[in-house]
Amino acid sequence: MPKKIDWLYHRKSCVTCQRAEAHRDGAGVAVTEQVDARKVRFTEAEALKLLDGVETLVAMKGPKVVRFDLKKDRPADEELLKHLMGPTGNLRAPAARVGKTLLIGFNDEAYTQVLG
């Protein structure tokens, strides 16, 4: 049974967000809460606040996937912000919280591992 995405931050016009959406739709993954990245901006402090209760951060850029175990070995905030924030100074989209995992960006294999 596919998991559900508890919280999703995305832009409809974003190519990466569209790829993530196609993956979710194909896997039948439901989304509980959606936030439009065109209307809601996250500062660095707000982005770090999203990590409250998160045990694993999976940051993806193309084929590159970086995993952080925030429960056992949390890196410095500056390192986390490099993966959370985009070049405009806003939270990168898509961002999805699945249980205690936060996904930033999109990679087909990583999404399959987390969402089943």
C-alpha atoms as a PDB file:
ATOM      1  CA  MET A   1       0.000   0.000   0.000  1.00  0.00           C
ATOM      2  CA  PRO A   2       1.510   3.366  -0.984  1.00  0.00           C
ATOM      3  CA  LYS A   3       2.314   5.885   1.672  1.00  0.00           C
ATOM      4  CA  LYS A   4       0.812   9.334   1.850  1.00  0.00           C
ATOM      5  CA  ILE A   5       2.550  12.680   1.723  1.00  0.00           C
ATOM      6  CA  ASP A   6       1.688  14.624   4.857  1.00  0.00           C
ATOM      7  CA  TRP A   7       2.843  18.011   3.543  1.00  0.00           C
ATOM      8  CA  LEU A   8       3.790  19.102   0.012  1.00  0.00           C
ATOM      9  CA  TYR A   9       5.380  22.360  -1.131  1.00  0.00           C
ATOM     10  CA  HIS A  10       5.367  22.788  -4.917  1.00  0.00           C
ATOM     11  CA  ARG A  11       4.936  25.077  -7.916  1.00  0.00           C
ATOM     12  CA  LYS A  12       2.673  23.962 -10.758  1.00  0.00           C
ATOM     13  CA  SER A  13       4.950  25.589 -13.361  1.00  0.00           C
ATOM     14  CA  CYS A  14       8.120  23.883 -12.066  1.00  0.00           C
ATOM     15  CA  VAL A  15       9.383  21.045 -14.296  1.00  0.00           C
ATOM     16  CA  THR A  16      10.852  19.168 -11.330  1.00  0.00           C
ATOM     17  CA  CYS A  17       7.576  19.559  -9.415  1.00  0.00           C
ATOM     18  CA  GLN A  18       5.693  18.187 -12.442  1.00  0.00           C
ATOM     19  CA  ARG A  19       7.979  15.126 -12.543  1.00  0.00           C
ATOM     20  CA  ALA A  20       7.405  14.538  -8.842  1.00  0.00           C
ATOM     21  CA  GLU A  21       3.647  14.908  -9.356  1.00  0.00           C
ATOM     22  CA  ALA A  22       3.671  12.378 -12.195  1.00  0.00           C
ATOM     23  CA  HIS A  23       5.545   9.935  -9.965  1.00  0.00           C
ATOM     24  CA  ARG A  24       3.064  10.435  -7.107  1.00  0.00           C
ATOM     25  CA  ASP A  25       0.061  10.062  -9.410  1.00  0.00           C
ATOM     26  CA  GLY A  26       1.506   6.912 -10.975  1.00  0.00           C
ATOM     27  CA  ALA A  27       2.086   5.387  -7.546  1.00  0.00           C
ATOM     28  CA  GLY A  28      -1.335   6.456  -6.247  1.00  0.00           C
ATOM     29  CA  VAL A  29       0.153   8.511  -3.399  1.00  0.00           C
ATOM     30  CA  ALA A  30      -2.292  10.852  -1.674  1.00  0.00           C
ATOM     31  CA  VAL A  31      -1.321  14.310  -0.420  1.00  0.00           C
ATOM     32  CA  THR A  32      -2.814  15.544   2.860  1.00  0.00           C
ATOM     33  CA  GLU A  33      -1.765  19.218   2.716  1.00  0.00           C
ATOM     34  CA  GLN A  34      -0.428  21.214  -0.262  1.00  0.00           C
ATOM     35  CA  VAL A  35       1.304  24.589  -0.169  1.00  0.00           C
ATOM     36  CA  ASP A  36       1.763  26.672  -3.327  1.00  0.00           C
ATOM     37  CA  ALA A  37       5.407  27.812  -3.548  1.00  0.00           C
ATOM     38  CA  ARG A  38       4.381  30.778  -5.716  1.00  0.00           C
ATOM     39  CA  LYS A  39       2.312  32.192  -2.857  1.00  0.00           C
ATOM     40  CA  VAL A  40       4.184  31.075   0.281  1.00  0.00           C
ATOM     41  CA  ARG A  41       7.872  31.807   0.826  1.00  0.00           C
ATOM     42  CA  PHE A  42      10.081  30.262   3.507  1.00  0.00           C
ATOM     43  CA  THR A  43      12.989  32.093   5.104  1.00  0.00           C
ATOM     44  CA  GLU A  44      16.058  30.164   6.238  1.00  0.00           C
ATOM     45  CA  ALA A  45      14.742  30.088   9.814  1.00  0.00           C
ATOM     46  CA  GLU A  46      11.340  28.801   8.647  1.00  0.00           C
ATOM     47  CA  ALA A  47      13.014  26.157   6.465  1.00  0.00           C
ATOM     48  CA  LEU A  48      15.047  24.911   9.428  1.00  0.00           C
ATOM     49  CA  LYS A  49      11.840  24.842  11.508  1.00  0.00           C
ATOM     50  CA  LEU A  50      10.417  22.338   8.972  1.00  0.00           C
ATOM     51  CA  LEU A  51      13.027  19.884  10.253  1.00  0.00           C
ATOM     52  CA  ASP A  52      11.380  19.714  13.695  1.00  0.00           C
ATOM     53  CA  GLY A  53      10.360  16.075  14.159  1.00  0.00           C
ATOM     54  CA  VAL A  54      12.163  15.007  10.970  1.00  0.00           C
ATOM     55  CA  GLU A  55      14.635  12.158  11.361  1.00  0.00           C
ATOM     56  CA  THR A  56      15.824  11.871   7.749  1.00  0.00           C
ATOM     57  CA  LEU A  57      16.429  14.572   5.148  1.00  0.00           C
ATOM     58  CA  VAL A  58      16.762  13.414   1.543  1.00  0.00           C
ATOM     59  CA  ALA A  59      18.007  16.211  -0.729  1.00  0.00           C
ATOM     60  CA  MET A  60      18.011  15.582  -4.483  1.00  0.00           C
ATOM     61  CA  LYS A  61      19.397  17.495  -7.445  1.00  0.00           C
ATOM     62  CA  GLY A  62      19.129  15.491 -10.650  1.00  0.00           C
ATOM     63  CA  PRO A  63      20.845  12.132 -10.139  1.00  0.00           C
ATOM     64  CA  LYS A  64      22.628  13.313  -6.971  1.00  0.00           C
ATOM     65  CA  VAL A  65      20.945  12.204  -3.747  1.00  0.00           C
ATOM     66  CA  VAL A  66      22.230  13.187  -0.300  1.00  0.00           C
ATOM     67  CA  ARG A  67      20.767  11.666   2.872  1.00  0.00           C
ATOM     68  CA  PHE A  68      21.136  13.124   6.346  1.00  0.00           C
ATOM     69  CA  ASP A  69      20.307  11.186   9.518  1.00  0.00           C
ATOM     70  CA  LEU A  70      19.148  14.114  11.632  1.00  0.00           C
ATOM     71  CA  LYS A  71      18.457  11.928  14.654  1.00  0.00           C
ATOM     72  CA  LYS A  72      21.970  10.472  14.990  1.00  0.00           C
ATOM     73  CA  ASP A  73      24.291  12.940  13.261  1.00  0.00           C
ATOM     74  CA  ARG A  74      22.672  16.287  12.447  1.00  0.00           C
ATOM     75  CA  PRO A  75      25.011  18.544  10.449  1.00  0.00           C
ATOM     76  CA  ALA A  76      25.369  22.269  11.093  1.00  0.00           C
ATOM     77  CA  ASP A  77      22.477  24.486  10.015  1.00  0.00           C
ATOM     78  CA  GLU A  78      24.655  26.063   7.292  1.00  0.00           C
ATOM     79  CA  GLU A  79      25.156  22.636   5.680  1.00  0.00           C
ATOM     80  CA  LEU A  80      21.446  21.840   5.851  1.00  0.00           C
ATOM     81  CA  LEU A  81      20.523  25.210   4.354  1.00  0.00           C
ATOM     82  CA  LYS A  82      22.722  24.472   1.318  1.00  0.00           C
ATOM     83  CA  HIS A  83      20.333  21.632   0.527  1.00  0.00           C
ATOM     84  CA  LEU A  84      17.081  23.240   1.671  1.00  0.00           C
ATOM     85  CA  MET A  85      17.321  26.651   0.008  1.00  0.00           C
ATOM     86  CA  GLY A  86      17.328  27.467  -3.692  1.00  0.00           C
ATOM     87  CA  PRO A  87      19.274  30.181  -5.526  1.00  0.00           C
ATOM     88  CA  THR A  88      16.475  32.714  -4.932  1.00  0.00           C
ATOM     89  CA  GLY A  89      16.809  32.335  -1.168  1.00  0.00           C
ATOM     90  CA  ASN A  90      13.546  30.421  -0.883  1.00  0.00           C
ATOM     91  CA  LEU A  91      12.842  26.817   0.121  1.00  0.00           C
ATOM     92  CA  ARG A  92      13.488  24.507  -2.834  1.00  0.00           C
ATOM     93  CA  ALA A  93      10.479  22.925  -4.474  1.00  0.00           C
ATOM     94  CA  PRO A  94       9.252  20.278  -4.494  1.00  0.00           C
ATOM     95  CA  ALA A  95       9.509  19.580  -0.786  1.00  0.00           C
ATOM     96  CA  ALA A  96       7.501  16.764   0.737  1.00  0.00           C
ATOM     97  CA  ARG A  97       7.180  15.439   4.251  1.00  0.00           C
ATOM     98  CA  VAL A  98       6.438  11.728   4.505  1.00  0.00           C
ATOM     99  CA  GLY A  99       6.213  10.689   8.136  1.00  0.00           C
ATOM    100  CA  LYS A 100       9.581  11.578   9.676  1.00  0.00           C
ATOM    101  CA  THR A 101      11.301  12.045   6.302  1.00  0.00           C
ATOM    102  CA  LEU A 102      11.622  15.327   4.402  1.00  0.00           C
ATOM    103  CA  LEU A 103      12.242  15.114   0.657  1.00  0.00           C
ATOM    104  CA  ILE A 104      13.754  18.144  -1.081  1.00  0.00           C
ATOM    105  CA  GLY A 105      13.864  18.072  -4.881  1.00  0.00           C
ATOM    106  CA  PHE A 106      13.042  15.027  -6.972  1.00  0.00           C
ATOM    107  CA  ASN A 107      14.781  11.815  -7.941  1.00  0.00           C
ATOM    108  CA  ASP A 108      12.713   8.887  -9.213  1.00  0.00           C
ATOM    109  CA  GLU A 109      14.659   6.209  -7.286  1.00  0.00           C
ATOM    110  CA  ALA A 110      14.655   8.162  -4.021  1.00  0.00           C
ATOM    111  CA  TYR A 111      10.908   8.800  -4.267  1.00  0.00           C
ATOM    112  CA  THR A 112      10.322   5.096  -4.937  1.00  0.00           C
ATOM    113  CA  GLN A 113      12.389   4.151  -1.858  1.00  0.00           C
ATOM    114  CA  VAL A 114      10.520   6.533   0.442  1.00  0.00           C
ATOM    115  CA  LEU A 115       7.001   6.262  -0.979  1.00  0.00           C
ATOM    116  CA  GLY A 116       7.062   2.593  -1.864  1.00  0.00           C
END
